[in-house]
Amino acid sequence: MTHEELRKLCKQSLRLTDDNTALDYQIDALIAAGKDDITRSCDVVFDEDNTDDCIAVVLYVKGMYPVEPDAASWSLYKERLAVIGTRKIGEVG
């Protein structure tokens, strides 16, 4: 999934239209932070072709979005981190 596709998915989850680009810089910053958090938390590099990683970033963005943070999305993000971490353990073992 390209960065633009990931941004579009994040905007859809936040119920923002594609033509509303005023907050793209905030969404891009949250996407970067989500990728970094996955890398640091799970000791695995974000994989743009992995559905779990991309969904986790969307949940991270929705859970951390400053206008209206979503606690349910944040909880789901934490669960996704466990899935991603398990994948890493499976790759090592």
N, C-alpha and C. Protein backbone atom coordinates (compact mmCIF):
# COMPACT_ATOMS: atom_id res chain seq x y z
N MET A 1 0.85 -1.18 0.00
CA MET A 1 0.00 0.00 0.00
C MET A 1 0.89 1.23 0.00
N THR A 2 0.64 2.12 -0.91
CA THR A 2 1.45 3.35 -0.98
C THR A 2 1.05 4.30 0.14
N HIS A 3 1.89 5.32 0.35
CA HIS A 3 1.59 6.30 1.39
C HIS A 3 0.27 7.02 1.08
N GLU A 4 0.04 7.32 -0.17
CA GLU A 4 -1.19 8.00 -0.55
C GLU A 4 -2.41 7.12 -0.28
N GLU A 5 -2.30 5.83 -0.56
CA GLU A 5 -3.40 4.91 -0.28
C GLU A 5 -3.65 4.80 1.22
N LEU A 6 -2.56 4.76 1.99
CA LEU A 6 -2.69 4.68 3.44
C LEU A 6 -3.32 5.96 3.99
N ARG A 7 -2.91 7.11 3.47
CA ARG A 7 -3.50 8.38 3.91
C ARG A 7 -5.00 8.39 3.57
N LYS A 8 -5.35 7.93 2.38
CA LYS A 8 -6.76 7.90 1.97
C LYS A 8 -7.57 7.02 2.91
N LEU A 9 -7.02 5.86 3.27
CA LEU A 9 -7.70 4.95 4.19
C LEU A 9 -7.87 5.59 5.57
N CYS A 10 -6.83 6.28 6.03
CA CYS A 10 -6.91 6.98 7.31
C CYS A 10 -7.98 8.08 7.27
N LYS A 11 -8.00 8.83 6.18
CA LYS A 11 -8.99 9.90 6.05
C LYS A 11 -10.41 9.33 6.01
N GLN A 12 -10.59 8.20 5.35
CA GLN A 12 -11.91 7.57 5.32
C GLN A 12 -12.33 7.15 6.72
N SER A 13 -11.40 6.61 7.50
CA SER A 13 -11.73 6.17 8.86
C SER A 13 -12.07 7.36 9.76
N LEU A 14 -11.52 8.53 9.43
CA LEU A 14 -11.82 9.75 10.19
C LEU A 14 -13.01 10.52 9.61
N ARG A 15 -13.59 9.97 8.55
CA ARG A 15 -14.72 10.58 7.85
C ARG A 15 -14.36 11.94 7.26
N LEU A 16 -13.15 12.01 6.71
CA LEU A 16 -12.70 13.20 6.00
C LEU A 16 -12.73 12.92 4.50
N THR A 17 -13.14 13.89 3.72
CA THR A 17 -13.18 13.70 2.28
C THR A 17 -11.78 13.85 1.69
N ASP A 18 -11.57 13.23 0.53
CA ASP A 18 -10.27 13.30 -0.14
C ASP A 18 -9.88 14.71 -0.51
N ASP A 19 -10.88 15.54 -0.84
CA ASP A 19 -10.56 16.91 -1.26
C ASP A 19 -10.25 17.83 -0.08
N ASN A 20 -10.46 17.36 1.14
CA ASN A 20 -10.11 18.13 2.33
C ASN A 20 -8.64 17.84 2.67
N THR A 21 -7.76 18.70 2.19
CA THR A 21 -6.32 18.46 2.38
C THR A 21 -5.72 19.32 3.47
N ALA A 22 -6.54 20.11 4.15
CA ALA A 22 -6.03 21.04 5.16
C ALA A 22 -5.32 20.32 6.31
N LEU A 23 -5.75 19.11 6.63
CA LEU A 23 -5.17 18.38 7.76
C LEU A 23 -4.25 17.25 7.33
N ASP A 24 -3.91 17.18 6.05
CA ASP A 24 -3.05 16.11 5.56
C ASP A 24 -1.71 16.07 6.29
N TYR A 25 -1.18 17.24 6.64
CA TYR A 25 0.11 17.26 7.33
C TYR A 25 0.01 16.59 8.69
N GLN A 26 -1.12 16.74 9.39
CA GLN A 26 -1.30 16.07 10.68
C GLN A 26 -1.46 14.57 10.48
N ILE A 27 -2.21 14.19 9.48
CA ILE A 27 -2.41 12.76 9.21
C ILE A 27 -1.10 12.12 8.79
N ASP A 28 -0.31 12.80 7.95
CA ASP A 28 1.00 12.27 7.55
C ASP A 28 1.92 12.10 8.75
N ALA A 29 1.89 13.07 9.66
CA ALA A 29 2.73 12.97 10.86
C ALA A 29 2.29 11.80 11.74
N LEU A 30 0.99 11.58 11.85
CA LEU A 30 0.50 10.45 12.64
C LEU A 30 0.81 9.12 11.97
N ILE A 31 0.75 9.07 10.65
CA ILE A 31 1.12 7.85 9.93
C ILE A 31 2.59 7.52 10.21
N ALA A 32 3.45 8.51 10.12
CA ALA A 32 4.88 8.30 10.39
C ALA A 32 5.09 7.86 11.84
N ALA A 33 4.36 8.47 12.76
CA ALA A 33 4.49 8.09 14.18
C ALA A 33 3.99 6.66 14.40
N GLY A 34 2.91 6.28 13.72
CA GLY A 34 2.39 4.92 13.85
C GLY A 34 3.37 3.88 13.33
N LYS A 35 3.97 4.17 12.18
CA LYS A 35 4.98 3.25 11.62
C LYS A 35 6.16 3.12 12.58
N ASP A 36 6.59 4.24 13.12
CA ASP A 36 7.71 4.24 14.07
C ASP A 36 7.35 3.47 15.34
N ASP A 37 6.13 3.65 15.82
CA ASP A 37 5.69 2.94 17.03
C ASP A 37 5.66 1.44 16.81
N ILE A 38 5.20 1.02 15.65
CA ILE A 38 5.19 -0.42 15.33
C ILE A 38 6.62 -0.95 15.33
N THR A 39 7.53 -0.22 14.70
CA THR A 39 8.92 -0.65 14.62
C THR A 39 9.53 -0.76 16.02
N ARG A 40 9.31 0.25 16.85
CA ARG A 40 9.91 0.25 18.19
C ARG A 40 9.24 -0.75 19.12
N SER A 41 7.93 -0.88 19.03
CA SER A 41 7.20 -1.76 19.95
C SER A 41 7.38 -3.24 19.64
N CYS A 42 7.50 -3.56 18.37
CA CYS A 42 7.52 -4.97 17.95
C CYS A 42 8.85 -5.43 17.40
N ASP A 43 9.81 -4.53 17.32
CA ASP A 43 11.12 -4.86 16.77
C ASP A 43 10.98 -5.46 15.37
N VAL A 44 10.11 -4.85 14.59
CA VAL A 44 9.87 -5.28 13.21
C VAL A 44 9.68 -4.02 12.37
N VAL A 45 10.24 -4.00 11.19
CA VAL A 45 10.10 -2.85 10.32
C VAL A 45 8.70 -2.86 9.71
N PHE A 46 8.05 -1.70 9.68
CA PHE A 46 6.73 -1.59 9.09
C PHE A 46 6.76 -2.13 7.67
N ASP A 47 5.81 -2.99 7.36
CA ASP A 47 5.72 -3.61 6.03
C ASP A 47 4.48 -3.08 5.34
N GLU A 48 4.67 -2.23 4.34
CA GLU A 48 3.54 -1.60 3.65
C GLU A 48 2.69 -2.61 2.88
N ASP A 49 3.19 -3.80 2.67
CA ASP A 49 2.43 -4.84 1.97
C ASP A 49 1.71 -5.77 2.93
N ASN A 50 1.87 -5.55 4.24
CA ASN A 50 1.23 -6.40 5.23
C ASN A 50 -0.06 -5.72 5.73
N THR A 51 -1.16 -6.41 5.58
CA THR A 51 -2.46 -5.86 5.96
C THR A 51 -2.52 -5.51 7.43
N ASP A 52 -1.98 -6.37 8.30
CA ASP A 52 -2.00 -6.09 9.74
C ASP A 52 -1.27 -4.79 10.07
N ASP A 53 -0.13 -4.57 9.44
CA ASP A 53 0.63 -3.34 9.68
C ASP A 53 -0.16 -2.11 9.25
N CYS A 54 -0.77 -2.18 8.07
CA CYS A 54 -1.52 -1.04 7.56
C CYS A 54 -2.76 -0.75 8.41
N ILE A 55 -3.46 -1.80 8.81
CA ILE A 55 -4.62 -1.61 9.68
C ILE A 55 -4.18 -1.01 11.01
N ALA A 56 -3.06 -1.47 11.53
CA ALA A 56 -2.55 -0.93 12.80
C ALA A 56 -2.27 0.57 12.67
N VAL A 57 -1.71 0.99 11.56
CA VAL A 57 -1.43 2.42 11.37
C VAL A 57 -2.74 3.21 11.31
N VAL A 58 -3.73 2.69 10.61
CA VAL A 58 -5.02 3.37 10.55
C VAL A 58 -5.62 3.51 11.95
N LEU A 59 -5.55 2.44 12.74
CA LEU A 59 -6.07 2.49 14.11
C LEU A 59 -5.26 3.45 14.97
N TYR A 60 -3.94 3.50 14.75
CA TYR A 60 -3.10 4.44 15.48
C TYR A 60 -3.53 5.87 15.18
N VAL A 61 -3.69 6.17 13.90
CA VAL A 61 -4.10 7.51 13.49
C VAL A 61 -5.46 7.87 14.09
N LYS A 62 -6.40 6.96 14.00
CA LYS A 62 -7.74 7.24 14.53
C LYS A 62 -7.72 7.38 16.05
N GLY A 63 -6.90 6.57 16.71
CA GLY A 63 -6.82 6.64 18.17
C GLY A 63 -6.09 7.86 18.68
N MET A 64 -5.19 8.42 17.87
CA MET A 64 -4.38 9.56 18.31
C MET A 64 -4.80 10.88 17.66
N TYR A 65 -5.77 10.86 16.77
CA TYR A 65 -6.17 12.06 16.04
C TYR A 65 -6.59 13.15 17.04
N PRO A 66 -5.94 14.31 16.97
CA PRO A 66 -6.14 15.32 18.02
C PRO A 66 -7.53 15.94 18.06
N VAL A 67 -8.25 15.93 16.96
CA VAL A 67 -9.57 16.56 16.96
C VAL A 67 -10.57 15.73 17.76
N GLU A 68 -10.55 14.42 17.57
CA GLU A 68 -11.50 13.55 18.24
C GLU A 68 -10.87 12.16 18.44
N PRO A 69 -9.98 12.02 19.45
CA PRO A 69 -9.34 10.72 19.68
C PRO A 69 -10.38 9.64 19.96
N ASP A 70 -10.12 8.45 19.49
CA ASP A 70 -11.06 7.34 19.61
C ASP A 70 -10.46 6.24 20.48
N ALA A 71 -10.96 6.10 21.69
CA ALA A 71 -10.43 5.13 22.65
C ALA A 71 -10.58 3.69 22.15
N ALA A 72 -11.67 3.39 21.47
CA ALA A 72 -11.88 2.03 20.96
C ALA A 72 -10.83 1.69 19.91
N SER A 73 -10.51 2.65 19.04
CA SER A 73 -9.48 2.42 18.03
C SER A 73 -8.12 2.22 18.68
N TRP A 74 -7.85 2.97 19.74
CA TRP A 74 -6.58 2.83 20.44
C TRP A 74 -6.46 1.43 21.06
N SER A 75 -7.53 0.91 21.62
CA SER A 75 -7.52 -0.45 22.18
C SER A 75 -7.28 -1.48 21.08
N LEU A 76 -7.95 -1.29 19.95
CA LEU A 76 -7.74 -2.22 18.83
C LEU A 76 -6.31 -2.13 18.31
N TYR A 77 -5.73 -0.93 18.32
CA TYR A 77 -4.33 -0.76 17.90
C TYR A 77 -3.42 -1.60 18.79
N LYS A 78 -3.64 -1.55 20.09
CA LYS A 78 -2.81 -2.34 21.02
C LYS A 78 -2.93 -3.83 20.72
N GLU A 79 -4.14 -4.29 20.39
CA GLU A 79 -4.32 -5.70 20.02
C GLU A 79 -3.56 -6.03 18.74
N ARG A 80 -3.57 -5.12 17.78
CA ARG A 80 -2.85 -5.34 16.52
C ARG A 80 -1.35 -5.43 16.77
N LEU A 81 -0.85 -4.64 17.72
CA LEU A 81 0.58 -4.73 18.04
C LEU A 81 0.94 -6.14 18.50
N ALA A 82 0.05 -6.77 19.25
CA ALA A 82 0.29 -8.14 19.68
C ALA A 82 0.35 -9.08 18.48
N VAL A 83 -0.52 -8.87 17.50
CA VAL A 83 -0.51 -9.70 16.29
C VAL A 83 0.80 -9.50 15.53
N ILE A 84 1.21 -8.26 15.39
CA ILE A 84 2.46 -7.96 14.68
C ILE A 84 3.65 -8.54 15.43
N GLY A 85 3.65 -8.42 16.74
CA GLY A 85 4.73 -8.99 17.55
C GLY A 85 4.79 -10.50 17.44
N THR A 86 3.62 -11.15 17.37
CA THR A 86 3.57 -12.60 17.21
C THR A 86 4.14 -13.00 15.86
N ARG A 87 3.86 -12.20 14.84
CA ARG A 87 4.42 -12.49 13.51
C ARG A 87 5.94 -12.46 13.57
N LYS A 88 6.49 -11.49 14.30
CA LYS A 88 7.94 -11.37 14.42
C LYS A 88 8.51 -12.60 15.12
N ILE A 89 7.85 -13.04 16.19
CA ILE A 89 8.31 -14.23 16.92
C ILE A 89 8.27 -15.44 16.00
N GLY A 90 7.23 -15.54 15.17
CA GLY A 90 7.11 -16.64 14.22
C GLY A 90 8.21 -16.64 13.18
N GLU A 91 8.67 -15.44 12.78
CA GLU A 91 9.73 -15.33 11.79
C GLU A 91 11.07 -15.78 12.39
N VAL A 92 11.26 -15.51 13.67
CA VAL A 92 12.52 -15.88 14.33
C VAL A 92 12.56 -17.37 14.59
N GLY A 93 11.43 -17.93 15.05
CA GLY A 93 11.37 -19.33 15.46
C GLY A 93 11.26 -20.24 14.35
